[in-house]
Amino acid sequence: MRYDMCKALRDWEADIRKESAEEIKQKDAEIEQKEAEIEDLEKENALLRAKLEAAGLS
């Protein structure tokens, strides 16, 4: 059986690129989720600060 090493290496490279792209997409989704969580916490923090100021406790 004859095996084309160039094709094997190209296929291997393509697989690595595909896996890397999938990992990048996953990491991007995780970052977006964390950014949304941070935004929610910042809003909550602003509301709590406003309540403290309104109560004269800041």
C-alpha atoms as a PDB file:
ATOM      1  CA  MET A   1       0.000   0.000   0.000  1.00  0.00           C
ATOM      2  CA  ARG A   2       1.387   3.340  -1.037  1.00  0.00           C
ATOM      3  CA  TYR A   3       0.807   6.304   1.239  1.00  0.00           C
ATOM      4  CA  ASP A   4       1.175   9.940   0.207  1.00  0.00           C
ATOM      5  CA  MET A   5       3.019  11.631   3.090  1.00  0.00           C
ATOM      6  CA  CYS A   6       2.376  15.113   1.680  1.00  0.00           C
ATOM      7  CA  LYS A   7      -1.357  14.461   1.677  1.00  0.00           C
ATOM      8  CA  ALA A   8      -1.143  12.996   5.167  1.00  0.00           C
ATOM      9  CA  LEU A   9       0.619  16.113   6.428  1.00  0.00           C
ATOM     10  CA  ARG A  10      -1.886  18.412   4.701  1.00  0.00           C
ATOM     11  CA  ASP A  11      -4.761  16.429   6.225  1.00  0.00           C
ATOM     12  CA  TRP A  12      -3.115  16.571   9.632  1.00  0.00           C
ATOM     13  CA  GLU A  13      -2.623  20.344   9.301  1.00  0.00           C
ATOM     14  CA  ALA A  14      -6.260  20.766   8.254  1.00  0.00           C
ATOM     15  CA  ASP A  15      -7.404  18.782  11.293  1.00  0.00           C
ATOM     16  CA  ILE A  16      -5.269  20.916  13.604  1.00  0.00           C
ATOM     17  CA  ARG A  17      -6.621  24.117  12.055  1.00  0.00           C
ATOM     18  CA  LYS A  18     -10.195  22.882  12.453  1.00  0.00           C
ATOM     19  CA  GLU A  19      -9.624  21.906  16.088  1.00  0.00           C
ATOM     20  CA  SER A  20      -7.938  25.244  16.780  1.00  0.00           C
ATOM     21  CA  ALA A  21     -10.805  27.155  15.193  1.00  0.00           C
ATOM     22  CA  GLU A  22     -13.293  25.255  17.340  1.00  0.00           C
ATOM     23  CA  GLU A  23     -11.254  25.971  20.483  1.00  0.00           C
ATOM     24  CA  ILE A  24     -11.079  29.660  19.580  1.00  0.00           C
ATOM     25  CA  LYS A  25     -14.855  29.796  19.075  1.00  0.00           C
ATOM     26  CA  GLN A  26     -15.374  28.128  22.446  1.00  0.00           C
ATOM     27  CA  LYS A  27     -12.980  30.537  24.187  1.00  0.00           C
ATOM     28  CA  ASP A  28     -14.684  33.499  22.497  1.00  0.00           C
ATOM     29  CA  ALA A  29     -18.051  32.296  23.768  1.00  0.00           C
ATOM     30  CA  GLU A  30     -16.604  31.932  27.284  1.00  0.00           C
ATOM     31  CA  ILE A  31     -15.169  35.457  27.110  1.00  0.00           C
ATOM     32  CA  GLU A  32     -18.508  36.861  25.957  1.00  0.00           C
ATOM     33  CA  GLN A  33     -20.222  35.107  28.872  1.00  0.00           C
ATOM     34  CA  LYS A  34     -17.690  36.514  31.360  1.00  0.00           C
ATOM     35  CA  GLU A  35     -18.076  40.003  29.879  1.00  0.00           C
ATOM     36  CA  ALA A  36     -21.845  39.759  30.300  1.00  0.00           C
ATOM     37  CA  GLU A  37     -21.395  38.636  33.903  1.00  0.00           C
ATOM     38  CA  ILE A  38     -19.034  41.554  34.574  1.00  0.00           C
ATOM     39  CA  GLU A  39     -21.509  43.992  33.024  1.00  0.00           C
ATOM     40  CA  ASP A  40     -24.293  42.627  35.234  1.00  0.00           C
ATOM     41  CA  LEU A  41     -22.099  42.950  38.334  1.00  0.00           C
ATOM     42  CA  GLU A  42     -21.153  46.521  37.408  1.00  0.00           C
ATOM     43  CA  LYS A  43     -24.843  47.426  37.047  1.00  0.00           C
ATOM     44  CA  GLU A  44     -25.635  45.810  40.391  1.00  0.00           C
ATOM     45  CA  ASN A  45     -22.725  47.646  41.986  1.00  0.00           C
ATOM     46  CA  ALA A  46     -23.942  50.980  40.598  1.00  0.00           C
ATOM     47  CA  LEU A  47     -27.434  50.344  41.979  1.00  0.00           C
ATOM     48  CA  LEU A  48     -26.057  49.463  45.407  1.00  0.00           C
ATOM     49  CA  ARG A  49     -23.888  52.592  45.428  1.00  0.00           C
ATOM     50  CA  ALA A  50     -26.925  54.704  44.529  1.00  0.00           C
ATOM     51  CA  LYS A  51     -28.897  53.126  47.373  1.00  0.00           C
ATOM     52  CA  LEU A  52     -26.051  53.804  49.824  1.00  0.00           C
ATOM     53  CA  GLU A  53     -25.853  57.426  48.680  1.00  0.00           C
ATOM     54  CA  ALA A  54     -29.631  57.824  48.969  1.00  0.00           C
ATOM     55  CA  ALA A  55     -29.463  56.462  52.506  1.00  0.00           C
ATOM     56  CA  GLY A  56     -26.589  58.808  53.324  1.00  0.00           C
ATOM     57  CA  LEU A  57     -24.204  55.912  53.984  1.00  0.00           C
ATOM     58  CA  SER A  58     -21.598  56.559  51.319  1.00  0.00           C
END
